[in-house]
Amino acid sequence: GIFAAPACGSAQRERARTLEERARAIMAGEASANESKCPANRMFNIMGLLMGALMVLVGVFMCASAVDQGGKDAPRSFMIGLYLVGFGAFAMANEVIYMGGVVKYFLLFDSYIGKGIFYIFWGFLMWSSRVEWIILALVFLVVGCVFILGSFAVTDPPVYLCGERPADAGTASRRQSEATRPPPPGQNDQTWPPPDPYASA
């Protein structure tokens, strides 16, 4: 009876310490989740959404102008307009929802540097001798540079306006580290080389 009370008290203290550690772990997880929703990420989402909408509008305008005016450059302008509409709609969808195919096949759109290169490409493609096209190209070039520079300030992977990014999607756009990479087969590995089925027979 004399030794039961201290033992019971130590067990309660151990239980309280365990609960406190679990609460701290939960709070740390919520803090990291809130960091992924920082204003910088949301600003990039809104900026990408606006640029995608601008691409769609410019593409529709180019297609309509090519049909109305005609000429030898009409097919070229019409095709560029179609590409602008398609890639603009894709860029808007990529800012709103998570698409697993983008992470798997189009890693360029799964990083802020890749998105910046994408907008810079279209900025150079839109460059022309006309003043309105020069202004439009400068907008794309500046936004592309902002995305590239912002990638050095935002360490989190891109987020989306609707829905959350899966926890295992972050490794798809990053190179696997040396620590997590499985070791090559060595001399101490009993499974290497594999046994010969004909020798065992």
N, C-alpha and C. Protein backbone atom coordinates (compact mmCIF):
# COMPACT_ATOMS: atom_id res chain seq x y z
N GLY A 1 0.80 -1.21 0.00
CA GLY A 1 0.00 0.00 0.00
C GLY A 1 0.83 1.26 0.00
N ILE A 2 2.03 1.19 0.67
CA ILE A 2 2.88 2.38 0.75
C ILE A 2 3.48 2.70 -0.60
N PHE A 3 3.86 1.63 -1.38
CA PHE A 3 4.54 1.84 -2.66
C PHE A 3 3.56 1.97 -3.83
N ALA A 4 2.27 1.72 -3.57
CA ALA A 4 1.30 1.77 -4.68
C ALA A 4 1.00 3.19 -5.10
N ALA A 5 0.94 4.11 -4.11
CA ALA A 5 0.59 5.50 -4.42
C ALA A 5 1.63 6.18 -5.29
N PRO A 6 2.96 6.07 -4.99
CA PRO A 6 3.95 6.69 -5.90
C PRO A 6 3.93 6.08 -7.28
N ALA A 7 3.73 4.74 -7.35
CA ALA A 7 3.69 4.11 -8.68
C ALA A 7 2.51 4.62 -9.48
N CYS A 8 1.35 4.76 -8.82
CA CYS A 8 0.18 5.28 -9.51
C CYS A 8 0.40 6.72 -9.95
N GLY A 9 1.06 7.52 -9.11
CA GLY A 9 1.32 8.91 -9.48
C GLY A 9 2.26 9.02 -10.65
N SER A 10 3.30 8.17 -10.70
CA SER A 10 4.23 8.22 -11.83
C SER A 10 3.55 7.79 -13.12
N ALA A 11 2.64 6.80 -13.03
CA ALA A 11 1.91 6.38 -14.23
C ALA A 11 1.02 7.49 -14.75
N GLN A 12 0.38 8.25 -13.85
CA GLN A 12 -0.46 9.36 -14.29
C GLN A 12 0.38 10.46 -14.93
N ARG A 13 1.56 10.72 -14.35
CA ARG A 13 2.43 11.74 -14.94
C ARG A 13 2.91 11.32 -16.32
N GLU A 14 3.23 10.02 -16.47
CA GLU A 14 3.66 9.52 -17.77
C GLU A 14 2.54 9.63 -18.80
N ARG A 15 1.31 9.33 -18.36
CA ARG A 15 0.17 9.43 -19.27
C ARG A 15 -0.08 10.88 -19.67
N ALA A 16 0.04 11.79 -18.70
CA ALA A 16 -0.15 13.21 -19.01
C ALA A 16 0.93 13.72 -19.95
N ARG A 17 2.17 13.23 -19.77
CA ARG A 17 3.25 13.65 -20.66
C ARG A 17 3.01 13.13 -22.09
N THR A 18 2.50 11.90 -22.19
CA THR A 18 2.20 11.35 -23.52
C THR A 18 1.10 12.14 -24.22
N LEU A 19 0.05 12.48 -23.47
CA LEU A 19 -1.03 13.28 -24.06
C LEU A 19 -0.54 14.65 -24.49
N GLU A 20 0.35 15.23 -23.71
CA GLU A 20 0.88 16.55 -24.06
C GLU A 20 1.72 16.48 -25.33
N GLU A 21 2.52 15.40 -25.47
CA GLU A 21 3.31 15.26 -26.69
C GLU A 21 2.42 15.05 -27.91
N ARG A 22 1.34 14.30 -27.75
CA ARG A 22 0.41 14.11 -28.88
C ARG A 22 -0.25 15.43 -29.27
N ALA A 23 -0.62 16.22 -28.27
CA ALA A 23 -1.23 17.52 -28.57
C ALA A 23 -0.26 18.43 -29.29
N ARG A 24 1.01 18.41 -28.90
CA ARG A 24 2.01 19.23 -29.59
C ARG A 24 2.21 18.76 -31.02
N ALA A 25 2.20 17.44 -31.23
CA ALA A 25 2.36 16.92 -32.59
C ALA A 25 1.19 17.33 -33.47
N ILE A 26 -0.03 17.29 -32.91
CA ILE A 26 -1.21 17.71 -33.68
C ILE A 26 -1.14 19.19 -34.01
N MET A 27 -0.73 20.01 -33.05
CA MET A 27 -0.61 21.45 -33.30
C MET A 27 0.46 21.73 -34.33
N ALA A 28 1.58 20.97 -34.30
CA ALA A 28 2.63 21.17 -35.30
C ALA A 28 2.13 20.80 -36.69
N GLY A 29 1.34 19.73 -36.79
CA GLY A 29 0.77 19.35 -38.09
C GLY A 29 -0.18 20.40 -38.63
N GLU A 30 -1.00 20.96 -37.75
CA GLU A 30 -1.91 22.01 -38.19
C GLU A 30 -1.14 23.26 -38.60
N ALA A 31 -0.05 23.55 -37.90
CA ALA A 31 0.74 24.73 -38.27
C ALA A 31 1.38 24.55 -39.64
N SER A 32 1.91 23.33 -39.91
CA SER A 32 2.50 23.10 -41.24
C SER A 32 1.46 23.14 -42.33
N ALA A 33 0.23 22.68 -42.03
CA ALA A 33 -0.84 22.75 -43.02
C ALA A 33 -1.23 24.20 -43.30
N ASN A 34 -1.22 25.02 -42.25
CA ASN A 34 -1.55 26.43 -42.45
C ASN A 34 -0.45 27.15 -43.22
N GLU A 35 0.81 26.69 -43.05
CA GLU A 35 1.90 27.32 -43.79
C GLU A 35 1.76 27.08 -45.29
N SER A 36 1.22 25.90 -45.66
CA SER A 36 1.03 25.63 -47.09
C SER A 36 -0.06 26.49 -47.70
N LYS A 37 -0.88 27.12 -46.85
CA LYS A 37 -1.93 28.00 -47.34
C LYS A 37 -1.55 29.48 -47.13
N CYS A 38 -0.25 29.76 -47.16
CA CYS A 38 0.21 31.12 -46.90
C CYS A 38 -0.27 32.04 -48.02
N PRO A 39 -0.32 33.33 -47.74
CA PRO A 39 -0.81 34.27 -48.76
C PRO A 39 0.01 34.26 -50.04
N ALA A 40 1.32 33.95 -49.95
CA ALA A 40 2.14 33.94 -51.16
C ALA A 40 1.67 32.86 -52.13
N ASN A 41 1.37 31.68 -51.62
CA ASN A 41 0.86 30.62 -52.49
C ASN A 41 -0.47 31.01 -53.12
N ARG A 42 -1.35 31.60 -52.33
CA ARG A 42 -2.65 32.01 -52.87
C ARG A 42 -2.49 33.12 -53.89
N MET A 43 -1.53 34.00 -53.68
CA MET A 43 -1.29 35.07 -54.66
C MET A 43 -0.82 34.47 -55.99
N PHE A 44 0.03 33.46 -55.92
CA PHE A 44 0.45 32.80 -57.15
C PHE A 44 -0.72 32.10 -57.83
N ASN A 45 -1.61 31.51 -57.03
CA ASN A 45 -2.80 30.87 -57.61
C ASN A 45 -3.66 31.88 -58.36
N ILE A 46 -3.93 33.01 -57.71
CA ILE A 46 -4.76 34.04 -58.34
C ILE A 46 -4.08 34.61 -59.58
N MET A 47 -2.76 34.83 -59.48
CA MET A 47 -2.02 35.35 -60.62
C MET A 47 -2.05 34.37 -61.79
N GLY A 48 -1.85 33.08 -61.51
CA GLY A 48 -1.91 32.08 -62.56
C GLY A 48 -3.30 31.96 -63.16
N LEU A 49 -4.32 32.10 -62.30
CA LEU A 49 -5.70 32.05 -62.80
C LEU A 49 -5.98 33.21 -63.73
N LEU A 50 -5.53 34.40 -63.37
CA LEU A 50 -5.74 35.57 -64.23
C LEU A 50 -4.96 35.46 -65.54
N MET A 51 -3.74 34.94 -65.47
CA MET A 51 -2.96 34.78 -66.70
C MET A 51 -3.58 33.73 -67.62
N GLY A 52 -4.12 32.66 -67.05
CA GLY A 52 -4.80 31.68 -67.88
C GLY A 52 -6.04 32.26 -68.55
N ALA A 53 -6.81 33.06 -67.80
CA ALA A 53 -7.98 33.71 -68.39
C ALA A 53 -7.56 34.69 -69.48
N LEU A 54 -6.45 35.40 -69.26
CA LEU A 54 -5.96 36.33 -70.28
C LEU A 54 -5.53 35.57 -71.54
N MET A 55 -4.92 34.42 -71.36
CA MET A 55 -4.53 33.62 -72.52
C MET A 55 -5.76 33.17 -73.32
N VAL A 56 -6.80 32.76 -72.62
CA VAL A 56 -8.03 32.34 -73.31
C VAL A 56 -8.62 33.50 -74.09
N LEU A 57 -8.69 34.68 -73.47
CA LEU A 57 -9.26 35.85 -74.17
C LEU A 57 -8.43 36.23 -75.39
N VAL A 58 -7.10 36.23 -75.23
CA VAL A 58 -6.25 36.57 -76.37
C VAL A 58 -6.39 35.53 -77.47
N GLY A 59 -6.49 34.25 -77.10
CA GLY A 59 -6.67 33.20 -78.10
C GLY A 59 -7.97 33.33 -78.86
N VAL A 60 -9.05 33.64 -78.15
CA VAL A 60 -10.33 33.84 -78.82
C VAL A 60 -10.27 35.04 -79.76
N PHE A 61 -9.61 36.11 -79.31
CA PHE A 61 -9.47 37.30 -80.16
C PHE A 61 -8.65 36.99 -81.41
N MET A 62 -7.58 36.21 -81.27
CA MET A 62 -6.75 35.88 -82.43
C MET A 62 -7.51 35.01 -83.41
N CYS A 63 -8.28 34.06 -82.92
CA CYS A 63 -9.07 33.20 -83.81
C CYS A 63 -10.13 34.01 -84.55
N ALA A 64 -10.81 34.90 -83.82
CA ALA A 64 -11.84 35.72 -84.46
C ALA A 64 -11.24 36.67 -85.48
N SER A 65 -10.08 37.26 -85.16
CA SER A 65 -9.43 38.18 -86.10
C SER A 65 -8.95 37.44 -87.35
N ALA A 66 -8.45 36.22 -87.16
CA ALA A 66 -7.97 35.45 -88.32
C ALA A 66 -9.13 35.09 -89.24
N VAL A 67 -10.29 34.78 -88.68
CA VAL A 67 -11.44 34.44 -89.51
C VAL A 67 -11.98 35.67 -90.24
N ASP A 68 -12.01 36.81 -89.55
CA ASP A 68 -12.58 38.02 -90.15
C ASP A 68 -11.66 38.63 -91.21
N GLN A 69 -10.38 38.75 -90.89
CA GLN A 69 -9.47 39.46 -91.78
C GLN A 69 -8.96 38.57 -92.90
N GLY A 70 -8.68 37.33 -92.60
CA GLY A 70 -8.13 36.45 -93.62
C GLY A 70 -6.69 36.80 -93.95
N GLY A 71 -6.24 36.42 -95.10
CA GLY A 71 -4.88 36.70 -95.51
C GLY A 71 -3.98 35.48 -95.36
N LYS A 72 -2.71 35.65 -95.77
CA LYS A 72 -1.79 34.52 -95.73
C LYS A 72 -1.37 34.15 -94.32
N ASP A 73 -1.44 35.09 -93.38
CA ASP A 73 -1.07 34.80 -92.00
C ASP A 73 -2.27 34.35 -91.15
N ALA A 74 -3.43 34.24 -91.76
CA ALA A 74 -4.62 33.86 -90.99
C ALA A 74 -4.53 32.45 -90.41
N PRO A 75 -4.06 31.44 -91.17
CA PRO A 75 -3.96 30.10 -90.55
C PRO A 75 -3.00 30.06 -89.37
N ARG A 76 -1.88 30.78 -89.50
CA ARG A 76 -0.91 30.81 -88.39
C ARG A 76 -1.52 31.46 -87.16
N SER A 77 -2.18 32.60 -87.34
CA SER A 77 -2.81 33.28 -86.21
C SER A 77 -3.92 32.45 -85.60
N PHE A 78 -4.66 31.74 -86.43
CA PHE A 78 -5.75 30.91 -85.92
C PHE A 78 -5.21 29.76 -85.09
N MET A 79 -4.13 29.11 -85.54
CA MET A 79 -3.56 28.00 -84.79
C MET A 79 -2.94 28.47 -83.47
N ILE A 80 -2.26 29.62 -83.50
CA ILE A 80 -1.71 30.15 -82.25
C ILE A 80 -2.84 30.50 -81.28
N GLY A 81 -3.94 31.03 -81.83
CA GLY A 81 -5.09 31.32 -80.98
C GLY A 81 -5.67 30.08 -80.34
N LEU A 82 -5.74 28.99 -81.11
CA LEU A 82 -6.23 27.73 -80.53
C LEU A 82 -5.31 27.22 -79.44
N TYR A 83 -4.02 27.33 -79.66
CA TYR A 83 -3.07 26.91 -78.63
C TYR A 83 -3.20 27.77 -77.37
N LEU A 84 -3.42 29.05 -77.57
CA LEU A 84 -3.60 29.94 -76.42
C LEU A 84 -4.85 29.58 -75.63
N VAL A 85 -5.93 29.28 -76.32
CA VAL A 85 -7.17 28.90 -75.63
C VAL A 85 -6.96 27.60 -74.86
N GLY A 86 -6.35 26.61 -75.51
CA GLY A 86 -6.15 25.32 -74.86
C GLY A 86 -5.23 25.40 -73.66
N PHE A 87 -4.06 26.02 -73.84
CA PHE A 87 -3.12 26.12 -72.73
C PHE A 87 -3.61 27.07 -71.64
N GLY A 88 -4.37 28.09 -72.02
CA GLY A 88 -4.93 28.98 -71.01
C GLY A 88 -5.94 28.27 -70.14
N ALA A 89 -6.82 27.48 -70.76
CA ALA A 89 -7.79 26.71 -69.97
C ALA A 89 -7.08 25.68 -69.09
N PHE A 90 -6.02 25.08 -69.62
CA PHE A 90 -5.25 24.12 -68.83
C PHE A 90 -4.58 24.80 -67.65
N ALA A 91 -4.01 25.99 -67.87
CA ALA A 91 -3.37 26.72 -66.78
C ALA A 91 -4.37 27.11 -65.69
N MET A 92 -5.58 27.50 -66.10
CA MET A 92 -6.60 27.84 -65.11
C MET A 92 -7.02 26.61 -64.30
N ALA A 93 -7.23 25.49 -64.98
CA ALA A 93 -7.61 24.28 -64.27
C ALA A 93 -6.51 23.81 -63.33
N ASN A 94 -5.26 24.01 -63.71
CA ASN A 94 -4.13 23.59 -62.88
C ASN A 94 -4.00 24.43 -61.61
N GLU A 95 -4.53 25.64 -61.63
CA GLU A 95 -4.50 26.47 -60.43
C GLU A 95 -5.68 26.18 -59.50
N VAL A 96 -6.72 25.57 -60.03
CA VAL A 96 -7.94 25.37 -59.24
C VAL A 96 -7.95 24.00 -58.57
N ILE A 97 -7.66 22.94 -59.32
CA ILE A 97 -7.77 21.59 -58.80
C ILE A 97 -6.45 20.85 -59.00
N TYR A 98 -6.26 19.81 -58.20
CA TYR A 98 -5.08 18.96 -58.33
C TYR A 98 -5.35 17.90 -59.40
N MET A 99 -4.42 17.78 -60.33
CA MET A 99 -4.52 16.79 -61.39
C MET A 99 -3.28 15.90 -61.32
N GLY A 100 -3.49 14.63 -61.03
CA GLY A 100 -2.37 13.72 -60.89
C GLY A 100 -1.57 13.54 -62.15
N GLY A 101 -2.21 13.65 -63.31
CA GLY A 101 -1.49 13.51 -64.56
C GLY A 101 -0.47 14.61 -64.78
N VAL A 102 -0.73 15.80 -64.23
CA VAL A 102 0.23 16.91 -64.37
C VAL A 102 1.52 16.57 -63.63
N VAL A 103 1.39 16.05 -62.41
CA VAL A 103 2.57 15.70 -61.63
C VAL A 103 3.33 14.55 -62.28
N LYS A 104 2.61 13.67 -62.96
CA LYS A 104 3.24 12.48 -63.53
C LYS A 104 3.87 12.75 -64.88
N TYR A 105 3.20 13.55 -65.73
CA TYR A 105 3.66 13.71 -67.10
C TYR A 105 4.12 15.13 -67.42
N PHE A 106 3.63 16.14 -66.71
CA PHE A 106 3.96 17.54 -67.01
C PHE A 106 4.53 18.20 -65.76
N LEU A 107 5.74 17.81 -65.38
CA LEU A 107 6.35 18.35 -64.16
C LEU A 107 6.63 19.85 -64.28
N LEU A 108 6.62 20.36 -65.51
CA LEU A 108 6.86 21.79 -65.70
C LEU A 108 5.80 22.62 -64.99
N PHE A 109 4.57 22.11 -64.93
CA PHE A 109 3.48 22.87 -64.32
C PHE A 109 3.32 22.57 -62.83
N ASP A 110 4.20 21.76 -62.27
CA ASP A 110 4.11 21.44 -60.85
C ASP A 110 5.14 22.19 -60.03
N SER A 111 5.69 23.25 -60.57
CA SER A 111 6.65 24.09 -59.84
C SER A 111 6.48 25.52 -60.32
N TYR A 112 6.85 26.45 -59.45
CA TYR A 112 6.74 27.86 -59.81
C TYR A 112 7.75 28.24 -60.88
N ILE A 113 8.92 27.61 -60.88
CA ILE A 113 9.90 27.89 -61.93
C ILE A 113 9.36 27.45 -63.29
N GLY A 114 8.75 26.26 -63.32
CA GLY A 114 8.18 25.79 -64.58
C GLY A 114 7.07 26.68 -65.10
N LYS A 115 6.22 27.15 -64.19
CA LYS A 115 5.16 28.05 -64.62
C LYS A 115 5.73 29.37 -65.13
N GLY A 116 6.79 29.84 -64.49
CA GLY A 116 7.42 31.07 -64.96
C GLY A 116 8.00 30.91 -66.35
N ILE A 117 8.66 29.78 -66.61
CA ILE A 117 9.20 29.52 -67.94
C ILE A 117 8.07 29.43 -68.97
N PHE A 118 6.95 28.84 -68.55
CA PHE A 118 5.79 28.72 -69.45
C PHE A 118 5.28 30.09 -69.88
N TYR A 119 5.13 31.02 -68.93
CA TYR A 119 4.63 32.35 -69.28
C TYR A 119 5.67 33.17 -70.05
N ILE A 120 6.94 32.98 -69.75
CA ILE A 120 7.98 33.68 -70.51
C ILE A 120 7.99 33.20 -71.96
N PHE A 121 7.78 31.91 -72.16
CA PHE A 121 7.71 31.37 -73.53
C PHE A 121 6.60 32.04 -74.32
N TRP A 122 5.42 32.16 -73.71
CA TRP A 122 4.31 32.78 -74.43
C TRP A 122 4.54 34.28 -74.58
N GLY A 123 5.26 34.89 -73.65
CA GLY A 123 5.58 36.31 -73.81
C GLY A 123 6.44 36.57 -75.03
N PHE A 124 7.47 35.75 -75.23
CA PHE A 124 8.30 35.91 -76.43
C PHE A 124 7.52 35.55 -77.69
N LEU A 125 6.62 34.60 -77.59
CA LEU A 125 5.84 34.21 -78.77
C LEU A 125 4.87 35.32 -79.19
N MET A 126 4.40 36.12 -78.23
CA MET A 126 3.46 37.19 -78.54
C MET A 126 4.14 38.48 -78.99
N TRP A 127 5.45 38.55 -78.87
CA TRP A 127 6.15 39.79 -79.20
C TRP A 127 5.95 40.14 -80.67
N SER A 128 5.59 41.39 -80.92
CA SER A 128 5.31 41.84 -82.27
C SER A 128 5.69 43.30 -82.39
N SER A 129 5.54 43.84 -83.59
CA SER A 129 5.86 45.25 -83.81
C SER A 129 4.73 46.19 -83.37
N ARG A 130 3.56 45.64 -83.13
CA ARG A 130 2.43 46.46 -82.71
C ARG A 130 2.51 46.74 -81.22
N VAL A 131 2.06 47.93 -80.83
CA VAL A 131 2.23 48.37 -79.44
C VAL A 131 1.43 47.51 -78.49
N GLU A 132 0.20 47.16 -78.86
CA GLU A 132 -0.64 46.38 -77.94
C GLU A 132 -0.06 44.99 -77.70
N TRP A 133 0.56 44.41 -78.72
CA TRP A 133 1.17 43.10 -78.53
C TRP A 133 2.45 43.19 -77.71
N ILE A 134 3.17 44.29 -77.86
CA ILE A 134 4.37 44.49 -77.03
C ILE A 134 3.99 44.60 -75.56
N ILE A 135 2.91 45.35 -75.27
CA ILE A 135 2.46 45.49 -73.88
C ILE A 135 2.01 44.13 -73.33
N LEU A 136 1.27 43.39 -74.14
CA LEU A 136 0.80 42.08 -73.70
C LEU A 136 1.98 41.12 -73.47
N ALA A 137 2.96 41.17 -74.36
CA ALA A 137 4.14 40.31 -74.19
C ALA A 137 4.91 40.69 -72.94
N LEU A 138 5.02 41.98 -72.65
CA LEU A 138 5.72 42.42 -71.45
C LEU A 138 5.00 41.94 -70.18
N VAL A 139 3.68 41.92 -70.22
CA VAL A 139 2.92 41.41 -69.06
C VAL A 139 3.28 39.96 -68.80
N PHE A 140 3.31 39.15 -69.86
CA PHE A 140 3.64 37.73 -69.68
C PHE A 140 5.09 37.56 -69.22
N LEU A 141 6.00 38.35 -69.77
CA LEU A 141 7.40 38.24 -69.37
C LEU A 141 7.60 38.63 -67.92
N VAL A 142 6.94 39.69 -67.49
CA VAL A 142 7.08 40.13 -66.10
C VAL A 142 6.49 39.10 -65.15
N VAL A 143 5.31 38.58 -65.48
CA VAL A 143 4.68 37.57 -64.62
C VAL A 143 5.53 36.31 -64.56
N GLY A 144 6.12 35.92 -65.68
CA GLY A 144 7.00 34.77 -65.67
C GLY A 144 8.20 34.97 -64.78
N CYS A 145 8.80 36.15 -64.83
CA CYS A 145 9.93 36.45 -63.95
C CYS A 145 9.50 36.47 -62.48
N VAL A 146 8.30 36.96 -62.20
CA VAL A 146 7.80 36.96 -60.82
C VAL A 146 7.64 35.53 -60.31
N PHE A 147 7.13 34.65 -61.14
CA PHE A 147 6.99 33.24 -60.74
C PHE A 147 8.36 32.62 -60.45
N ILE A 148 9.34 32.91 -61.30
CA ILE A 148 10.67 32.32 -61.10
C ILE A 148 11.32 32.87 -59.83
N LEU A 149 11.24 34.18 -59.62
CA LEU A 149 11.81 34.77 -58.41
C LEU A 149 11.05 34.32 -57.16
N GLY A 150 9.73 34.17 -57.29
CA GLY A 150 8.95 33.74 -56.14
C GLY A 150 9.23 32.31 -55.74
N SER A 151 9.74 31.49 -56.67
CA SER A 151 10.04 30.10 -56.32
C SER A 151 11.17 30.01 -55.30
N PHE A 152 12.04 31.03 -55.25
CA PHE A 152 13.12 31.02 -54.27
C PHE A 152 12.64 31.50 -52.89
N ALA A 153 11.50 32.18 -52.85
CA ALA A 153 10.97 32.66 -51.58
C ALA A 153 9.95 31.71 -50.97
N VAL A 154 9.24 30.95 -51.80
CA VAL A 154 8.22 30.01 -51.33
C VAL A 154 8.81 28.61 -51.41
N THR A 155 9.01 27.98 -50.27
CA THR A 155 9.60 26.64 -50.23
C THR A 155 8.57 25.54 -50.39
N ASP A 156 7.30 25.83 -50.12
CA ASP A 156 6.26 24.81 -50.23
C ASP A 156 5.93 24.53 -51.68
N PRO A 157 5.48 23.32 -52.00
CA PRO A 157 5.04 23.02 -53.37
C PRO A 157 3.77 23.78 -53.71
N PRO A 158 3.42 23.90 -54.98
CA PRO A 158 2.21 24.63 -55.36
C PRO A 158 0.95 24.04 -54.72
N VAL A 159 0.05 24.93 -54.35
CA VAL A 159 -1.24 24.53 -53.77
C VAL A 159 -2.33 24.87 -54.78
N TYR A 160 -3.57 24.56 -54.40
CA TYR A 160 -4.69 24.72 -55.32
C TYR A 160 -5.83 25.44 -54.61
N LEU A 161 -6.64 26.15 -55.39
CA LEU A 161 -7.73 26.93 -54.82
C LEU A 161 -8.84 26.04 -54.30
N CYS A 162 -9.10 24.92 -54.95
CA CYS A 162 -10.15 23.99 -54.54
C CYS A 162 -9.51 22.64 -54.24
N GLY A 163 -9.67 22.20 -53.02
CA GLY A 163 -9.11 20.90 -52.64
C GLY A 163 -7.69 21.02 -52.16
N GLU A 164 -7.22 19.97 -51.50
CA GLU A 164 -5.90 19.95 -50.94
C GLU A 164 -4.97 19.11 -51.81
N ARG A 165 -3.71 19.42 -51.72
CA ARG A 165 -2.68 18.64 -52.41
C ARG A 165 -2.42 17.36 -51.63
N PRO A 166 -2.45 16.20 -52.28
CA PRO A 166 -2.19 14.96 -51.55
C PRO A 166 -0.82 14.97 -50.89
N ALA A 167 -0.70 14.27 -49.77
CA ALA A 167 0.55 14.28 -49.02
C ALA A 167 1.69 13.62 -49.78
N ASP A 168 1.39 12.63 -50.60
CA ASP A 168 2.43 11.92 -51.33
C ASP A 168 2.72 12.54 -52.69
N ALA A 169 2.09 13.68 -53.02
CA ALA A 169 2.31 14.30 -54.33
C ALA A 169 3.55 15.16 -54.35
N GLY A 170 4.09 15.52 -53.17
CA GLY A 170 5.25 16.40 -53.16
C GLY A 170 6.51 15.75 -53.65
N THR A 171 6.62 14.42 -53.54
CA THR A 171 7.83 13.76 -53.98
C THR A 171 7.88 13.54 -55.47
N ALA A 172 6.78 13.72 -56.16
CA ALA A 172 6.78 13.46 -57.60
C ALA A 172 7.54 14.53 -58.36
N SER A 173 7.53 15.76 -57.87
CA SER A 173 8.21 16.85 -58.57
C SER A 173 9.59 17.11 -58.02
N ARG A 174 10.04 16.31 -57.09
CA ARG A 174 11.37 16.48 -56.53
C ARG A 174 12.18 15.22 -56.74
N ARG A 175 13.47 15.40 -56.87
CA ARG A 175 14.37 14.27 -57.02
C ARG A 175 14.50 13.55 -55.70
N GLN A 176 14.49 12.24 -55.75
CA GLN A 176 14.58 11.46 -54.54
C GLN A 176 15.94 11.65 -53.91
N SER A 177 15.96 11.90 -52.60
CA SER A 177 17.20 12.17 -51.90
C SER A 177 18.03 10.90 -51.77
N GLU A 178 19.32 11.10 -51.50
CA GLU A 178 20.22 9.96 -51.36
C GLU A 178 19.91 9.15 -50.11
N ALA A 179 19.37 9.82 -49.07
CA ALA A 179 19.08 9.11 -47.82
C ALA A 179 17.92 8.14 -47.98
N THR A 180 16.93 8.51 -48.77
CA THR A 180 15.75 7.66 -48.94
C THR A 180 15.89 6.68 -50.08
N ARG A 181 16.97 6.78 -50.86
CA ARG A 181 17.15 5.89 -51.99
C ARG A 181 17.65 4.53 -51.49
N PRO A 182 17.11 3.42 -51.97
CA PRO A 182 17.56 2.11 -51.49
C PRO A 182 18.99 1.84 -51.90
N PRO A 183 19.77 1.17 -51.05
CA PRO A 183 21.18 0.92 -51.36
C PRO A 183 21.31 -0.09 -52.49
N PRO A 184 22.40 0.00 -53.26
CA PRO A 184 22.61 -0.98 -54.33
C PRO A 184 22.95 -2.34 -53.75
N PRO A 185 22.73 -3.40 -54.49
CA PRO A 185 23.06 -4.74 -53.99
C PRO A 185 24.55 -4.89 -53.78
N GLY A 186 24.92 -5.42 -52.64
CA GLY A 186 26.33 -5.59 -52.30
C GLY A 186 26.68 -7.03 -52.05
N GLN A 187 27.90 -7.22 -51.53
CA GLN A 187 28.36 -8.56 -51.28
C GLN A 187 27.65 -9.20 -50.10
N ASN A 188 27.22 -8.38 -49.14
CA ASN A 188 26.53 -8.91 -47.97
C ASN A 188 25.07 -9.21 -48.22
N ASP A 189 24.58 -8.84 -49.38
CA ASP A 189 23.18 -9.09 -49.70
C ASP A 189 23.03 -10.53 -50.17
N GLN A 190 22.29 -11.31 -49.44
CA GLN A 190 22.14 -12.72 -49.75
C GLN A 190 21.24 -12.96 -50.96
N THR A 191 20.47 -11.94 -51.33
CA THR A 191 19.56 -12.10 -52.47
C THR A 191 20.21 -11.70 -53.78
N TRP A 192 21.50 -11.33 -53.74
CA TRP A 192 22.19 -10.90 -54.96
C TRP A 192 23.50 -11.66 -55.12
N PRO A 193 23.75 -12.26 -56.22
CA PRO A 193 22.88 -12.35 -57.41
C PRO A 193 21.73 -13.31 -57.18
N PRO A 194 20.68 -13.21 -57.96
CA PRO A 194 19.54 -14.10 -57.76
C PRO A 194 19.93 -15.54 -58.05
N PRO A 195 19.29 -16.48 -57.38
CA PRO A 195 19.65 -17.90 -57.60
C PRO A 195 19.27 -18.36 -58.99
N ASP A 196 20.09 -19.25 -59.50
CA ASP A 196 19.84 -19.81 -60.84
C ASP A 196 18.83 -20.94 -60.72
N PRO A 197 17.66 -20.82 -61.37
CA PRO A 197 16.65 -21.90 -61.24
C PRO A 197 17.10 -23.20 -61.86
N TYR A 198 17.96 -23.13 -62.87
CA TYR A 198 18.42 -24.36 -63.53
C TYR A 198 19.45 -25.11 -62.68
N ALA A 199 20.28 -24.34 -61.91
CA ALA A 199 21.27 -24.97 -61.06
C ALA A 199 20.61 -25.71 -59.90
N SER A 200 19.52 -25.12 -59.37
CA SER A 200 18.81 -25.78 -58.25
C SER A 200 18.08 -27.03 -58.70
N ALA A 201 17.69 -27.08 -59.98
CA ALA A 201 17.00 -28.24 -60.47
C ALA A 201 17.97 -29.41 -60.67
